[in-house]
Protein backbone atom coordinates (compact mmCIF):
# COMPACT_ATOMS: atom_id res chain seq x y z
CA MET A 1 -45.95 -31.12 51.93
CA LYS A 2 -46.10 -27.37 52.68
CA ASN A 3 -42.32 -27.09 52.24
CA ASN A 4 -42.54 -28.82 48.83
CA ILE A 5 -45.17 -26.33 47.62
CA ILE A 6 -42.99 -23.40 48.73
CA SER A 7 -39.97 -24.84 46.92
CA LEU A 8 -42.00 -25.35 43.74
CA VAL A 9 -43.22 -21.75 43.81
CA ILE A 10 -39.65 -20.44 44.29
CA LEU A 11 -38.45 -22.56 41.34
CA ILE A 12 -41.23 -21.25 39.08
CA VAL A 13 -40.44 -17.64 40.01
CA PHE A 14 -36.74 -18.20 39.30
CA LEU A 15 -37.44 -19.72 35.88
CA VAL A 16 -39.77 -16.88 34.88
CA ALA A 17 -37.20 -14.28 35.95
CA PHE A 18 -34.39 -16.05 34.07
CA SER A 19 -36.51 -16.29 30.91
CA PHE A 20 -37.29 -12.55 31.08
CA ILE A 21 -33.63 -11.57 31.52
CA PHE A 22 -32.50 -13.87 28.66
CA SER A 23 -35.09 -12.49 26.27
CA TYR A 24 -34.09 -8.90 27.13
CA LEU A 25 -30.36 -9.51 26.55
CA THR A 26 -31.02 -11.32 23.25
CA GLU A 27 -33.13 -8.48 21.96
CA LYS A 28 -30.47 -5.96 23.05
CA THR A 29 -27.64 -7.83 21.34
CA ASN A 30 -29.48 -8.33 18.05
CA LYS A 31 -30.91 -4.82 17.82
CA PRO A 32 -30.56 -3.67 14.18
CA LEU A 33 -28.88 -0.49 12.97
CA PRO A 34 -30.97 2.66 12.67
CA ALA A 35 -32.72 3.20 9.32
CA SER A 36 -30.23 5.92 8.37
CA SER A 37 -27.34 3.43 8.19
CA SER A 38 -26.24 1.55 5.09
CA LEU A 39 -23.11 -0.13 6.32
CA LEU A 40 -21.79 -3.56 5.50
CA SER A 41 -18.50 -5.24 6.32
CA ILE A 42 -16.05 -5.56 3.45
CA THR A 43 -15.69 -9.21 4.45
CA GLU A 44 -19.33 -9.68 3.42
CA LEU A 45 -18.84 -8.00 0.06
CA PRO A 46 -21.10 -9.75 -2.49
CA LYS A 47 -19.60 -10.30 -5.93
CA ASN A 48 -20.98 -9.35 -9.35
CA ASP A 49 -24.54 -10.66 -9.84
CA GLU A 50 -24.63 -11.88 -6.26
CA LYS A 51 -24.19 -8.32 -5.09
CA LYS A 52 -27.14 -7.13 -7.20
CA LEU A 53 -29.32 -9.98 -5.93
CA PHE A 54 -28.22 -9.28 -2.38
CA GLU A 55 -29.15 -5.60 -2.66
CA ASN A 56 -32.56 -6.41 -4.19
CA GLN A 57 -33.35 -8.71 -1.32
CA LEU A 58 -32.86 -5.95 1.20
CA SER A 59 -36.26 -4.50 2.08
CA SER A 60 -34.73 -1.74 4.17
CA ARG A 61 -31.45 -0.53 5.56
CA ASP A 62 -32.46 -1.95 8.93
CA ASN A 63 -31.33 -5.33 7.62
CA TYR A 64 -27.64 -4.35 7.95
CA ILE A 65 -26.54 -5.88 11.22
CA PHE A 66 -23.00 -6.00 12.51
CA ASN A 67 -21.05 -6.57 15.69
CA SER A 68 -18.61 -3.69 16.13
CA LEU A 69 -16.53 -5.77 18.53
CA ASN A 70 -15.63 -8.25 15.79
CA PRO A 71 -12.45 -7.04 13.97
CA ASN A 72 -13.34 -9.18 10.92
CA LEU A 73 -16.31 -6.88 10.26
CA ILE A 74 -14.22 -3.71 10.15
CA PRO A 75 -14.12 -1.48 8.15
CA LEU A 76 -17.82 -1.17 7.33
CA ARG A 77 -18.78 -0.49 3.72
CA ASP A 78 -21.33 2.24 3.05
CA TRP A 79 -23.06 1.03 -0.11
CA SER A 80 -24.68 4.39 -0.69
CA ILE A 81 -21.23 5.50 -1.92
CA LYS A 82 -20.63 4.08 -5.38
CA GLU A 83 -17.28 2.63 -6.46
CA PRO A 84 -15.04 5.10 -8.30
CA GLU A 85 -14.45 4.83 -12.03
CA ILE A 86 -10.74 4.21 -12.42
CA GLN A 87 -9.28 4.13 -15.93
CA ALA A 88 -5.86 2.77 -14.89
CA GLN A 89 -5.03 -0.72 -16.07
CA ALA A 90 -4.80 -1.88 -12.45
CA ALA A 91 -5.55 -0.28 -9.11
CA ALA A 92 -6.08 -1.13 -5.46
CA ILE A 93 -6.54 0.14 -1.95
CA PHE A 94 -5.15 -2.38 0.52
CA ASP A 95 -5.45 -2.40 4.32
CA PRO A 96 -2.41 -4.38 5.58
CA ASP A 97 -3.61 -4.25 9.18
CA GLY A 98 -6.80 -6.10 8.25
CA ASN A 99 -5.11 -7.91 5.33
CA LYS A 100 -7.94 -7.01 2.95
CA PHE A 101 -8.60 -5.10 -0.26
CA LEU A 102 -10.96 -2.15 0.04
CA PHE A 103 -10.84 -1.61 -3.74
CA GLN A 104 -9.34 -3.74 -6.48
CA LYS A 105 -9.00 -3.82 -10.22
CA ASN A 106 -6.88 -6.34 -12.15
CA ILE A 107 -4.75 -7.06 -9.07
CA GLU A 108 -3.46 -10.39 -10.47
CA LYS A 109 -2.61 -9.16 -13.98
CA SER A 110 1.02 -8.16 -14.68
CA PHE A 111 2.00 -4.82 -16.20
CA PRO A 112 5.22 -2.85 -16.74
CA ILE A 113 6.01 -1.02 -13.49
CA ALA A 114 8.60 1.58 -14.66
CA SER A 115 10.47 3.16 -11.74
CA ILE A 116 8.46 1.24 -9.13
CA THR A 117 11.27 -1.20 -9.93
CA LYS A 118 13.55 1.01 -7.82
CA LEU A 119 11.87 -0.25 -4.65
CA MET A 120 13.44 -3.64 -5.29
CA THR A 121 16.72 -1.95 -6.25
CA ALA A 122 16.76 -0.15 -2.88
CA ASN A 123 16.12 -3.39 -0.99
CA ILE A 124 19.01 -5.17 -2.68
CA VAL A 125 21.37 -2.25 -2.10
CA LEU A 126 20.50 -1.83 1.60
CA GLU A 127 20.92 -5.55 2.24
CA ASN A 128 24.46 -5.51 0.81
CA LEU A 129 25.89 -2.02 1.43
CA ASN A 130 26.13 0.35 4.39
CA LEU A 131 24.53 3.79 4.25
CA ASP A 132 27.88 5.47 4.92
CA ASP A 133 29.77 3.60 2.18
CA VAL A 134 31.20 6.00 -0.40
CA ILE A 135 30.69 5.49 -4.12
CA LYS A 136 32.63 7.19 -6.91
CA ILE A 137 30.28 7.94 -9.76
CA SER A 138 31.36 6.29 -13.01
CA LYS A 139 30.98 7.53 -16.57
CA GLN A 140 28.75 4.52 -17.29
CA ALA A 141 26.37 5.54 -14.48
CA VAL A 142 26.16 9.14 -15.69
CA MET A 143 25.56 8.03 -19.28
CA THR A 144 22.49 6.03 -18.22
CA TYR A 145 19.27 7.09 -19.95
CA GLY A 146 17.43 9.81 -18.02
CA GLU A 147 18.42 13.15 -16.56
CA ASN A 148 17.04 13.03 -13.01
CA GLY A 149 19.72 13.33 -10.38
CA HIS A 150 22.30 15.19 -12.52
CA LEU A 151 25.20 13.21 -11.07
CA VAL A 152 28.75 14.18 -12.09
CA ILE A 153 31.43 11.81 -13.31
CA GLY A 154 34.06 11.29 -10.61
CA GLU A 155 32.13 12.84 -7.71
CA GLU A 156 31.83 10.83 -4.51
CA LEU A 157 28.55 10.34 -2.68
CA THR A 158 27.46 8.04 0.13
CA VAL A 159 25.00 5.20 -0.34
CA ARG A 160 22.59 7.26 1.76
CA ASP A 161 22.87 10.19 -0.67
CA LEU A 162 22.34 7.93 -3.66
CA ILE A 163 19.30 6.26 -2.09
CA TYR A 164 17.82 9.75 -1.73
CA ALA A 165 18.51 10.36 -5.43
CA LEU A 166 17.10 6.94 -6.31
CA LEU A 167 13.83 7.21 -4.39
CA ILE A 168 13.13 10.95 -4.18
CA GLU A 169 14.32 12.14 -7.59
CA SER A 170 13.97 8.66 -9.18
CA SER A 171 17.47 9.01 -10.60
CA ASN A 172 18.50 6.36 -13.12
CA ASP A 173 22.15 7.43 -12.68
CA ALA A 174 21.93 6.68 -8.98
CA ALA A 175 20.36 3.29 -9.67
CA MET A 176 23.28 2.31 -11.91
CA ALA A 177 25.91 3.65 -9.51
CA LEU A 178 24.37 1.68 -6.63
CA ALA A 179 24.08 -1.46 -8.77
CA GLU A 180 27.73 -1.23 -9.86
CA LYS A 181 28.92 -0.91 -6.26
CA THR A 182 26.72 -3.81 -5.13
CA GLU A 183 28.10 -6.05 -7.88
CA MET A 184 31.64 -5.10 -6.89
CA VAL A 185 31.01 -6.00 -3.23
CA THR A 186 28.99 -9.19 -3.75
CA GLY A 187 30.52 -10.53 -6.96
CA ASN A 188 26.97 -11.16 -8.21
CA ASN A 189 24.99 -9.71 -11.08
CA PHE A 190 22.61 -7.13 -9.66
CA VAL A 191 19.57 -8.13 -11.73
CA SER A 192 20.11 -11.74 -10.68
CA LEU A 193 20.01 -10.60 -7.06
CA MET A 194 16.77 -8.77 -7.76
CA ASN A 195 15.07 -11.82 -9.25
CA LYS A 196 16.44 -14.12 -6.55
CA LYS A 197 14.97 -11.85 -3.89
CA ALA A 198 11.67 -11.75 -5.78
CA ARG A 199 11.46 -15.54 -5.57
CA GLU A 200 12.46 -15.55 -1.90
CA ILE A 201 9.65 -13.22 -0.87
CA GLY A 202 7.00 -14.85 -3.04
CA LEU A 203 6.74 -12.47 -5.99
CA THR A 204 5.39 -15.08 -8.40
CA HIS A 205 4.37 -12.68 -11.16
CA SER A 206 7.36 -10.30 -11.12
CA VAL A 207 10.35 -10.08 -13.43
CA PHE A 208 13.25 -7.62 -13.30
CA VAL A 209 15.62 -6.98 -16.19
CA ASP A 210 17.34 -3.79 -15.00
CA PRO A 211 17.65 -1.83 -11.72
CA ILE A 212 15.99 1.24 -13.23
CA GLY A 213 12.63 0.24 -14.67
CA ILE A 214 13.23 1.72 -18.09
CA ASN A 215 12.78 -1.63 -19.84
CA PRO A 216 9.08 -2.56 -20.26
CA GLN A 217 9.95 -6.15 -19.35
CA ASN A 218 10.24 -5.04 -15.72
CA LYS A 219 6.79 -6.32 -14.77
CA SER A 220 4.74 -7.09 -11.71
CA ASN A 221 1.17 -7.13 -10.48
CA ILE A 222 -0.54 -5.46 -7.54
CA SER A 223 -0.63 -8.60 -5.43
CA ASP A 224 3.14 -8.94 -5.75
CA LEU A 225 3.74 -5.23 -5.15
CA ILE A 226 1.90 -5.49 -1.83
CA LYS A 227 4.32 -8.24 -0.81
CA LEU A 228 7.24 -6.04 -1.89
CA ILE A 229 5.93 -3.09 0.12
CA ASN A 230 5.50 -5.30 3.19
CA TYR A 231 9.01 -6.67 2.78
CA SER A 232 10.44 -3.19 2.29
CA PHE A 233 9.42 -2.18 5.80
CA LYS A 234 12.34 -4.31 6.98
CA ASN A 235 14.50 -1.53 5.50
CA SER A 236 12.75 1.42 7.11
CA PHE A 237 15.11 3.86 5.40
CA ILE A 238 13.32 3.15 2.11
CA TRP A 239 10.03 4.65 3.28
CA GLN A 240 11.78 7.33 5.29
CA ALA A 241 13.45 8.48 2.07
CA THR A 242 10.24 8.42 0.04
CA SER A 243 8.53 10.58 2.68
CA ILE A 244 10.94 13.49 2.05
CA LYS A 245 9.56 16.22 -0.23
CA GLU A 246 12.95 17.70 -1.14
CA ILE A 247 16.53 17.56 0.11
CA GLU A 248 20.03 18.89 -0.63
CA VAL A 249 22.94 16.48 -0.96
CA ILE A 250 26.59 17.56 -1.09
CA SER A 251 29.49 15.60 -2.58
CA LYS A 252 32.26 14.42 -0.27
CA ASN A 253 34.62 17.18 -1.47
CA LYS A 254 31.90 19.80 -0.74
CA LYS A 255 32.09 21.13 -4.31
CA ILE A 256 28.92 19.72 -5.86
CA VAL A 257 25.43 20.35 -4.48
CA HIS A 258 22.39 18.37 -5.59
CA HIS A 259 18.83 19.39 -4.91
CA PHE A 260 16.51 16.41 -5.09
CA LYS A 261 12.76 16.99 -5.37
CA ASN A 262 10.24 14.21 -4.86
CA THR A 263 8.44 13.03 -7.99
CA ASN A 264 5.42 12.25 -5.79
CA GLN A 265 3.40 15.45 -6.31
CA LEU A 266 0.80 14.42 -3.72
CA LEU A 267 3.37 14.55 -0.93
CA GLY A 268 2.63 17.79 0.91
CA GLU A 269 -0.53 18.37 -1.12
CA LEU A 270 -2.69 15.74 0.57
CA PRO A 271 -2.20 15.48 4.35
CA GLU A 272 -3.10 11.76 4.27
CA VAL A 273 -0.17 10.92 1.99
CA ILE A 274 2.88 9.90 4.02
CA ALA A 275 5.28 8.46 1.43
CA GLY A 276 5.35 6.82 -1.97
CA LYS A 277 7.10 6.00 -5.24
CA THR A 278 6.21 6.95 -8.77
CA GLY A 279 7.08 5.55 -12.17
CA TYR A 280 6.54 6.46 -15.80
CA THR A 281 7.53 5.16 -19.19
CA GLU A 282 5.67 5.31 -22.46
CA GLU A 283 4.86 1.60 -22.23
CA ALA A 284 4.01 1.53 -18.51
CA LYS A 285 2.25 4.90 -18.44
CA GLY A 286 1.84 6.42 -15.00
CA CYS A 287 2.47 4.16 -12.00
CA MET A 288 2.23 5.13 -8.36
CA ILE A 289 2.36 3.64 -4.87
CA VAL A 290 1.47 5.83 -1.89
CA LEU A 291 1.22 5.10 1.81
CA VAL A 292 -1.82 6.84 3.29
CA LYS A 293 -2.51 7.44 6.96
CA HIS A 294 -4.80 4.77 8.39
CA PRO A 295 -8.18 6.36 9.21
CA GLN A 296 -8.19 4.88 12.70
CA LYS A 297 -4.89 3.33 13.75
CA LYS A 298 -1.94 5.60 14.47
CA GLY A 299 1.28 4.46 12.80
CA GLN A 300 -0.60 2.21 10.36
CA TYR A 301 -1.13 2.79 6.64
CA LEU A 302 -3.33 2.00 3.69
CA TYR A 303 -1.57 1.22 0.40
CA VAL A 304 -2.93 2.93 -2.71
CA ILE A 305 -1.52 1.51 -5.94
CA ILE A 306 -2.05 2.58 -9.55
CA LEU A 307 -0.54 0.95 -12.65
CA GLY A 308 -0.93 2.06 -16.26
CA SER A 309 -2.69 5.38 -15.78
CA ASN A 310 -2.80 8.49 -17.94
CA GLN A 311 -3.70 10.54 -14.84
CA ARG A 312 -1.97 8.77 -11.96
CA GLU A 313 -2.15 11.62 -9.38
CA LYS A 314 -5.79 12.35 -10.18
CA GLU A 315 -6.78 8.71 -9.87
CA VAL A 316 -4.87 8.26 -6.61
CA LYS A 317 -6.70 11.29 -5.24
CA THR A 318 -9.98 9.78 -6.37
CA LEU A 319 -9.26 6.55 -4.51
CA ILE A 320 -8.19 8.34 -1.34
CA ASN A 321 -11.28 10.52 -1.29
CA TRP A 322 -13.48 7.53 -2.03
CA VAL A 323 -12.10 5.31 0.73
CA ASN A 324 -12.63 8.11 3.27
CA GLN A 325 -16.28 8.30 2.31
CA ALA A 326 -17.12 4.66 1.58
CA PHE A 327 -15.83 3.04 4.76
CA VAL A 328 -16.27 3.51 8.50
CA TRP A 329 -13.87 2.19 11.10
CA GLN A 330 -15.45 1.65 14.54
């Protein structure tokens, strides 16, 4: 009898102790953020009227609770920082590492993309030609609309040199010279190769009618352009080229020197900007894609995309500054 009483007492003490420890750990885990914080995961982003209702229901900032160990809750949105006013027809900031938009405007609507087209051109060329292949510049290539590149009829340049002209200087002459050589090697129409590749990689709202981007019927949307950027990393030379601020290229006979300067004016101006491609036509207005250093992960990027802007560099700057203020990576 005495032994039973002792056992019962021990059991009661154990249960009380366990209950105390469990309550302490639960309170510790669910402890809310300090009142100074106003952070919310982008994955919990309320939409339109739901967002307003959601904010009205919050009695204090202490209601924002998150688990920093959960990658789905990163980055954290600081709602005290308002969204930027972007006048471009379409715009986005995309985090490929988290596969999420941090900002978006008209991402599914198609617009003319001007020389952003040349990213697809570069992919087709690099999948069919070698960087050291030599191309003799034709009269037809030099007569192409546009002056960037200043190629000379009859000069010989490597594919590498012409990719620099294509992506750094945004040379239309280089685009045509590369397209001519690719057609000669493959026996296929270059634009057909562009559209075939678009279908292969899931660009469902993209159409290409020339390798340059001068025709306003070269169209895409931001969702497709993100797929194109992701695919382009298979050809790392593309983004290596667009990261170069300026470069000199010499013809094979050493007689002609070209100085190519990047059309991306933010390269070298903003330390976050690693690489990018610009485009402009009267119909497309200013277009721009830039790769921006990831705020937390070394070797990773954010994509900032602008289509149809009258102030493309200014609006890209606005988006970069905003994302640095409006989000926190733990």
